[in-house]
Protein backbone atom coordinates (compact mmCIF):
# COMPACT_ATOMS: atom_id res chain seq x y z
CA UNK A 1 34.84 -6.10 -30.50
CA UNK A 2 34.64 -9.86 -31.59
CA UNK A 3 37.34 -12.60 -30.64
CA UNK A 4 37.52 -16.41 -30.77
CA UNK A 5 40.01 -18.58 -29.44
CA UNK A 6 41.96 -20.62 -32.51
CA UNK A 7 41.35 -23.99 -32.88
CA UNK A 8 44.56 -26.56 -32.66
CA UNK A 9 46.03 -26.80 -35.71
CA UNK A 10 44.86 -23.15 -37.10
CA UNK A 11 47.58 -21.66 -39.54
CA UNK A 12 48.60 -18.00 -40.02
CA UNK A 13 47.04 -17.66 -43.15
CA UNK A 14 43.54 -18.87 -41.73
CA UNK A 15 43.86 -16.15 -38.76
CA UNK A 16 44.33 -13.77 -41.65
CA UNK A 17 41.38 -14.66 -43.44
CA UNK A 18 39.47 -14.63 -40.24
CA UNK A 19 40.14 -10.98 -39.55
CA UNK A 20 39.63 -10.29 -43.21
CA UNK A 21 35.98 -11.53 -43.31
CA UNK A 22 35.47 -9.84 -39.77
CA UNK A 23 36.57 -6.56 -41.29
CA UNK A 24 34.44 -6.81 -44.50
CA UNK A 25 31.42 -8.08 -42.43
CA UNK A 26 31.59 -5.21 -39.86
CA UNK A 27 33.00 -2.48 -41.94
CA UNK A 28 34.35 -0.43 -39.49
CA UNK A 29 34.75 3.38 -40.87
CA UNK A 30 38.08 4.02 -39.18
CA UNK A 31 39.92 1.22 -40.44
CA UNK A 32 41.66 1.83 -43.90
CA UNK A 33 43.16 -1.60 -44.82
CA UNK A 34 41.51 -4.78 -45.58
CA UNK A 35 43.15 -7.00 -42.69
CA UNK A 36 45.42 -9.79 -42.51
CA UNK A 37 48.58 -7.91 -42.46
CA UNK A 38 49.55 -7.90 -39.21
CA UNK A 39 52.86 -8.65 -38.02
CA UNK A 40 53.66 -12.78 -38.67
CA UNK A 41 53.90 -14.39 -35.36
CA UNK A 42 56.84 -16.50 -33.84
CA UNK A 43 57.55 -18.71 -30.85
CA UNK A 44 60.75 -18.98 -28.76
CA UNK A 45 62.23 -22.33 -28.41
CA UNK A 46 65.50 -22.71 -26.18
CA UNK A 47 65.83 -18.74 -26.40
CA UNK A 48 65.85 -18.61 -30.06
CA UNK A 49 63.05 -17.19 -32.38
CA UNK A 50 61.73 -19.71 -34.46
CA UNK A 51 59.05 -18.56 -37.67
CA UNK A 52 55.86 -19.96 -38.26
CA UNK A 53 56.08 -20.90 -41.91
CA UNK A 54 53.06 -20.16 -44.17
CA UNK A 55 50.32 -22.85 -43.73
CA UNK A 56 52.02 -24.23 -40.71
CA UNK A 57 50.17 -24.49 -37.29
CA UNK A 58 52.05 -23.72 -34.06
CA UNK A 59 51.80 -27.22 -33.12
CA UNK A 60 53.83 -28.11 -36.28
CA UNK A 61 56.08 -25.39 -35.28
CA UNK A 62 56.50 -27.01 -32.09
CA UNK A 63 57.65 -30.19 -33.47
CA UNK A 64 59.86 -28.64 -36.14
CA UNK A 65 61.52 -27.18 -33.28
CA UNK A 66 62.12 -30.00 -31.06
CA UNK A 67 59.96 -28.92 -28.33
CA UNK A 68 57.58 -31.83 -27.83
CA UNK A 69 60.57 -34.20 -28.02
CA UNK A 70 62.44 -32.28 -25.05
CA UNK A 71 59.24 -32.40 -23.16
CA UNK A 72 58.74 -35.96 -23.82
CA UNK A 73 62.48 -36.65 -22.80
CA UNK A 74 62.11 -34.65 -19.64
CA UNK A 75 59.07 -36.45 -18.29
CA UNK A 76 60.55 -40.00 -19.18
CA UNK A 77 63.65 -38.95 -17.09
CA UNK A 78 61.28 -37.53 -14.34
CA UNK A 79 59.25 -40.56 -13.89
CA UNK A 80 62.49 -42.95 -13.75
């Protein structure tokens, strides 16, 4: 088994490509697909599912969903 922690800014497509390369490299006998076809990830912001767009990092999705602004405003009010 092999894994790695995805660096900040990694997109879904990059993760799928990594999986395809590893399957091709190790050529496991029981795997019948070429990889990269898993369920698309999503994150939940304010109780709502937010899809991660193709070639968008999780950080970009959080910005688009307004989570960083929420945390910034929360911390600013906390420190007043």
